[in-house]
Structures are given as structure tokens and as C-alpha cells.
Amino acid sequence: MPKSKVLIIGAGGHATSCIEIIEAEDKKEIVGLIGTQDEVGKKLLGYEVIGSEKDFADLLELTSNLILGIGQIKSPNLRIKIKENFIKKGFIFESVISPVAQISKHAVIGVGTVIMHRVVINAGVKIGDYSIINTGSIIEHDSKIGNFSHISTGVISNGETSIGNNTFVGSGTIIMERINIGDNCIVGMGQQVRHDLSDHSKYVGN
């Protein structure tokens, strides 16, 4: 089966991780990166930044398939803006799923979401669109994660938890079973979340 051609938006750390997964998956051909005008010509792991957002027409001639390779620390606003701009121009976003992630056949993964190496996603889990589930995280059974949320490295989200849209959960955090975390929340690194968090909460201490 021929590989699908993709462009990666971004030329930083998250794009590096996406390249690693795509190469390991071996189902997509990276034809280039999309960055800022200042980044054009730069190379990342051997792949060149071949254009910026201003080059929509030329990029679309190469492929309409995109990977959202811009990271998300706290706010997803830049990722949301970029996604909307490219969708309006006729591009399509694809998901990236590591071949060494363990994902239940009974889980649902949304459009444009990135699942990193050694992630475990168990049965009944539903993950929304354009989210990041970072390296080594565990999402236990019957949990839900919304759109444009970032579950950082090594997070453990126990069974029947709910994490809303546009929410950031820091590395190494443990979320107790049946906990609800709302939209637009920030949970700091290494926390133990034992009670529900309402929308727009900032939780940085146990």
C-alpha cells in the first residue's frame, strides 16, 4: 500500500516527536515542514521547512494532509488558530499514533490527535480531536478527554475520569478515579488530583 504524503506544521520539539512516530509507524511520507517565514530553509531531522502559512496554494499542490506538530504548554490558542486557518484553505488533519502505544480496540481517538510512544489507552476511552497524549501516559478504562487538551508525559488518569477541552495536565500527575476536570484548566506537574476541578481552574498544589 502506498504511503500517504503529509506536511507537518511546526519545526520545534513537538514536531521532532511527531517525525519520530511517523518514521516508526512507516505509513506516511513526510514531504516537508511548515514553519514561520524565518524558519524556511531550516532542517529538522533531515526534513526541510518548505513554506509558511502564506504559501497555502503551493503547499496544497504537494498534499492536503497535515499533522499538527506544534506543542501545547498551557494554552491551546495557537494550535486552534492554525488548525482553523488551514481547514479554511482545504487541508485535512491526520492523527499520529505510535506503533508502540497500546490502544484498546474499544477506544475512540479523534481527528488530528497525537498519541506518543508507550501510551496505554484502555477500553471505553474516548479522546477528542487535536489533543496530545504524551509519552508514557496511561488513560484508564471509560475515561474521556476533550478537544485540544494536552496530557503530558507520564500522567496516570485512572478509570472513569473526565478531562475537558483545552486543558493541560502536567507531567507525572495522577488523577484519581471518577474525577472530573473541566474545560480550560491547567494542572501543574506532579500533582495528585483527588477532587473535581471546575472550568478555568488552575491546580498547582496538592
Protein backbone atom coordinates (compact mmCIF):
# COMPACT_ATOMS: atom_id res chain seq x y z
CA MET A 1 0.00 0.00 0.00
CA PRO A 2 1.47 3.42 -0.95
CA LYS A 3 2.26 5.81 1.88
CA SER A 4 0.11 8.91 2.27
CA LYS A 5 2.00 12.18 1.85
CA VAL A 6 1.87 14.60 4.78
CA LEU A 7 3.16 18.01 5.77
CA ILE A 8 3.98 18.72 9.41
CA ILE A 9 3.09 22.13 10.83
CA GLY A 10 5.86 23.15 13.21
CA ALA A 11 9.63 22.96 13.43
CA GLY A 12 10.26 22.60 17.16
CA GLY A 13 10.29 19.93 19.83
CA HIS A 14 6.78 18.58 19.28
CA ALA A 15 7.40 18.35 15.54
CA THR A 16 10.53 16.33 16.32
CA SER A 17 8.45 13.86 18.32
CA CYS A 18 5.86 13.65 15.54
CA ILE A 19 8.59 12.87 12.99
CA GLU A 20 9.91 10.08 15.21
CA ILE A 21 6.46 8.49 15.45
CA ILE A 22 5.71 8.84 11.73
CA GLU A 23 9.02 7.21 10.84
CA ALA A 24 8.39 4.38 13.31
CA GLU A 25 4.84 3.89 12.03
CA ASP A 26 6.13 3.80 8.42
CA LYS A 27 2.73 4.55 6.86
CA LYS A 28 3.20 8.20 5.89
CA GLU A 29 5.72 10.06 3.74
CA ILE A 30 6.80 13.43 5.14
CA VAL A 31 7.19 15.83 2.21
CA GLY A 32 8.23 18.81 4.30
CA LEU A 33 7.56 21.06 7.28
CA ILE A 34 5.56 24.26 7.57
CA GLY A 35 7.02 26.92 9.84
CA THR A 36 7.38 30.65 10.17
CA GLN A 37 8.93 32.69 7.37
CA ASP A 38 12.12 32.94 9.43
CA GLU A 39 12.29 29.13 9.66
CA VAL A 40 12.01 28.47 5.91
CA GLY A 41 15.09 26.53 4.80
CA LYS A 42 15.76 25.14 8.27
CA LYS A 43 16.03 21.36 8.57
CA LEU A 44 14.71 19.18 11.37
CA LEU A 45 15.86 15.54 11.45
CA GLY A 46 16.62 15.90 7.75
CA TYR A 47 13.23 17.38 6.76
CA GLU A 48 13.15 20.93 5.41
CA VAL A 49 10.81 23.77 6.31
CA ILE A 50 9.49 24.42 2.81
CA GLY A 51 6.96 27.16 3.48
CA SER A 52 4.84 29.16 5.88
CA GLU A 53 1.12 29.87 6.22
CA LYS A 54 1.43 32.41 3.39
CA ASP A 55 2.26 29.60 0.95
CA PHE A 56 -1.14 27.84 1.13
CA ALA A 57 -1.51 27.35 -2.64
CA ASP A 58 1.95 25.88 -3.20
CA LEU A 59 1.65 23.61 -0.17
CA LEU A 60 -1.77 22.34 -1.22
CA GLU A 61 -0.30 21.23 -4.55
CA LEU A 62 2.01 18.89 -2.63
CA THR A 63 -0.65 17.36 -0.37
CA SER A 64 -3.75 18.31 1.58
CA ASN A 65 -2.79 16.08 4.53
CA LEU A 66 -1.39 17.78 7.62
CA ILE A 67 0.00 16.85 11.02
CA LEU A 68 -0.40 19.46 13.77
CA GLY A 69 3.17 19.40 15.06
CA ILE A 70 3.06 22.47 17.30
CA GLY A 71 3.20 21.75 21.02
CA GLN A 72 0.86 22.99 23.70
CA ILE A 73 2.08 24.31 27.02
CA LYS A 74 -0.91 25.57 28.99
CA SER A 75 -2.86 27.43 26.26
CA PRO A 76 -4.05 25.75 23.04
CA ASN A 77 -4.91 29.05 21.35
CA LEU A 78 -2.12 28.98 18.76
CA ARG A 79 -2.94 25.39 17.78
CA ILE A 80 -6.63 26.25 17.45
CA LYS A 81 -5.91 29.30 15.28
CA ILE A 82 -3.57 27.39 12.98
CA LYS A 83 -5.99 24.49 12.62
CA GLU A 84 -8.84 26.82 11.67
CA ASN A 85 -6.72 28.72 9.13
CA PHE A 86 -5.61 25.57 7.32
CA ILE A 87 -9.05 23.92 7.38
CA LYS A 88 -10.49 27.00 5.65
CA LYS A 89 -7.94 26.55 2.86
CA GLY A 90 -8.94 22.94 2.19
CA PHE A 91 -6.39 21.00 4.21
CA ILE A 92 -7.18 17.87 6.25
CA PHE A 93 -5.56 16.93 9.56
CA GLU A 94 -4.50 13.38 10.32
CA SER A 95 -3.84 11.64 13.61
CA VAL A 96 -0.44 10.22 14.53
CA ILE A 97 -0.36 7.09 16.67
CA SER A 98 2.85 5.45 17.83
CA PRO A 99 3.18 1.79 16.86
CA VAL A 100 4.35 1.04 20.41
CA ALA A 101 1.33 2.65 22.07
CA GLN A 102 -1.17 0.15 23.48
CA ILE A 103 -4.64 1.23 22.41
CA SER A 104 -7.75 -0.82 23.04
CA LYS A 105 -9.86 -1.68 20.01
CA HIS A 106 -12.75 -0.40 22.13
CA ALA A 107 -11.24 3.10 22.45
CA VAL A 108 -12.06 6.06 20.18
CA ILE A 109 -9.37 8.52 19.04
CA GLY A 110 -10.38 11.83 17.45
CA VAL A 111 -9.13 13.60 14.33
CA GLY A 112 -5.70 15.24 14.46
CA THR A 113 -4.77 13.76 17.83
CA VAL A 114 -1.19 12.65 18.52
CA ILE A 115 -0.52 9.54 20.63
CA MET A 116 3.13 9.22 21.66
CA HIS A 117 5.32 6.20 22.43
CA ARG A 118 4.39 3.81 25.27
CA VAL A 119 1.00 5.37 25.90
CA VAL A 120 -1.66 2.99 27.24
CA ILE A 121 -5.29 3.69 26.36
CA ASN A 122 -7.75 1.17 27.74
CA ALA A 123 -11.25 0.04 26.79
CA GLY A 124 -14.07 2.55 26.66
CA VAL A 125 -11.79 5.59 26.46
CA LYS A 126 -12.87 8.47 24.20
CA ILE A 127 -10.30 11.08 23.18
CA GLY A 128 -11.38 14.16 21.26
CA ASP A 129 -9.86 15.99 18.31
CA TYR A 130 -6.42 17.66 18.13
CA SER A 131 -5.29 16.51 21.56
CA ILE A 132 -1.84 15.31 22.62
CA ILE A 133 -1.37 12.19 24.74
CA ASN A 134 2.31 12.35 25.54
CA THR A 135 4.94 9.70 26.14
CA GLY A 136 4.22 7.03 28.72
CA SER A 137 0.81 8.29 29.84
CA ILE A 138 -1.88 5.87 30.98
CA ILE A 139 -5.55 6.59 30.29
CA GLU A 140 -7.63 4.01 32.10
CA HIS A 141 -10.97 2.47 31.18
CA ASP A 142 -14.08 4.53 30.38
CA SER A 143 -12.31 7.88 30.64
CA LYS A 144 -12.95 10.89 28.41
CA ILE A 145 -10.60 13.60 27.16
CA GLY A 146 -11.87 16.55 25.15
CA ASN A 147 -10.54 18.51 22.19
CA PHE A 148 -7.22 20.41 22.18
CA SER A 149 -6.11 19.02 25.53
CA HIS A 150 -2.54 18.01 26.36
CA ILE A 151 -1.91 15.08 28.68
CA SER A 152 1.81 15.39 29.39
CA THR A 153 4.46 12.73 29.86
CA GLY A 154 3.84 10.03 32.44
CA VAL A 155 0.36 11.12 33.51
CA ILE A 156 -1.86 8.44 35.08
CA SER A 157 -5.56 9.11 34.58
CA ASN A 158 -7.48 6.42 36.42
CA GLY A 159 -10.77 4.84 35.44
CA GLU A 160 -13.89 6.85 34.56
CA THR A 161 -12.16 10.22 34.72
CA SER A 162 -13.24 13.12 32.53
CA ILE A 163 -10.92 15.86 31.23
CA GLY A 164 -12.50 18.70 29.27
CA ASN A 165 -11.49 20.75 26.24
CA ASN A 166 -8.39 22.98 26.06
CA THR A 167 -6.97 21.56 29.29
CA PHE A 168 -3.30 21.00 30.16
CA VAL A 169 -2.21 18.27 32.60
CA GLY A 170 1.46 18.42 33.64
CA SER A 171 3.97 15.57 33.61
CA GLY A 172 3.70 12.87 36.24
CA THR A 173 0.29 13.90 37.53
CA ILE A 174 -2.02 11.22 38.94
CA ILE A 175 -5.77 11.70 38.62
CA MET A 176 -7.97 9.70 40.98
CA GLU A 177 -10.75 7.55 39.52
CA ARG A 178 -14.06 9.23 38.62
CA ILE A 179 -12.58 12.73 38.89
CA ASN A 180 -13.91 15.42 36.53
CA ILE A 181 -11.58 18.16 35.27
CA GLY A 182 -13.32 20.91 33.34
CA ASP A 183 -12.52 22.95 30.23
CA ASN A 184 -9.59 25.38 30.02
CA CYS A 185 -7.88 24.04 33.13
CA ILE A 186 -4.18 23.94 33.99
CA VAL A 187 -2.90 21.17 36.25
CA GLY A 188 0.75 21.51 37.26
CA MET A 189 3.48 18.90 37.10
CA GLY A 190 3.48 16.03 39.58
CA GLN A 191 0.10 16.71 41.16
CA GLN A 192 -2.34 14.28 42.78
CA VAL A 193 -5.85 15.29 41.76
CA ARG A 194 -8.31 13.92 44.32
CA HIS A 195 -11.29 16.24 43.75
CA ASP A 196 -13.16 17.68 40.78
CA LEU A 197 -11.86 20.85 39.10
CA SER A 198 -14.33 23.29 37.57
CA ASP A 199 -13.79 25.10 34.26
CA HIS A 200 -10.82 27.51 34.16
CA SER A 201 -9.26 26.02 37.31
CA LYS A 202 -5.53 26.24 37.95
CA TYR A 203 -4.27 23.44 40.19
CA VAL A 204 -0.60 23.51 41.13
CA GLY A 205 -0.55 22.19 44.68
CA ASN A 206 -1.79 19.07 46.46
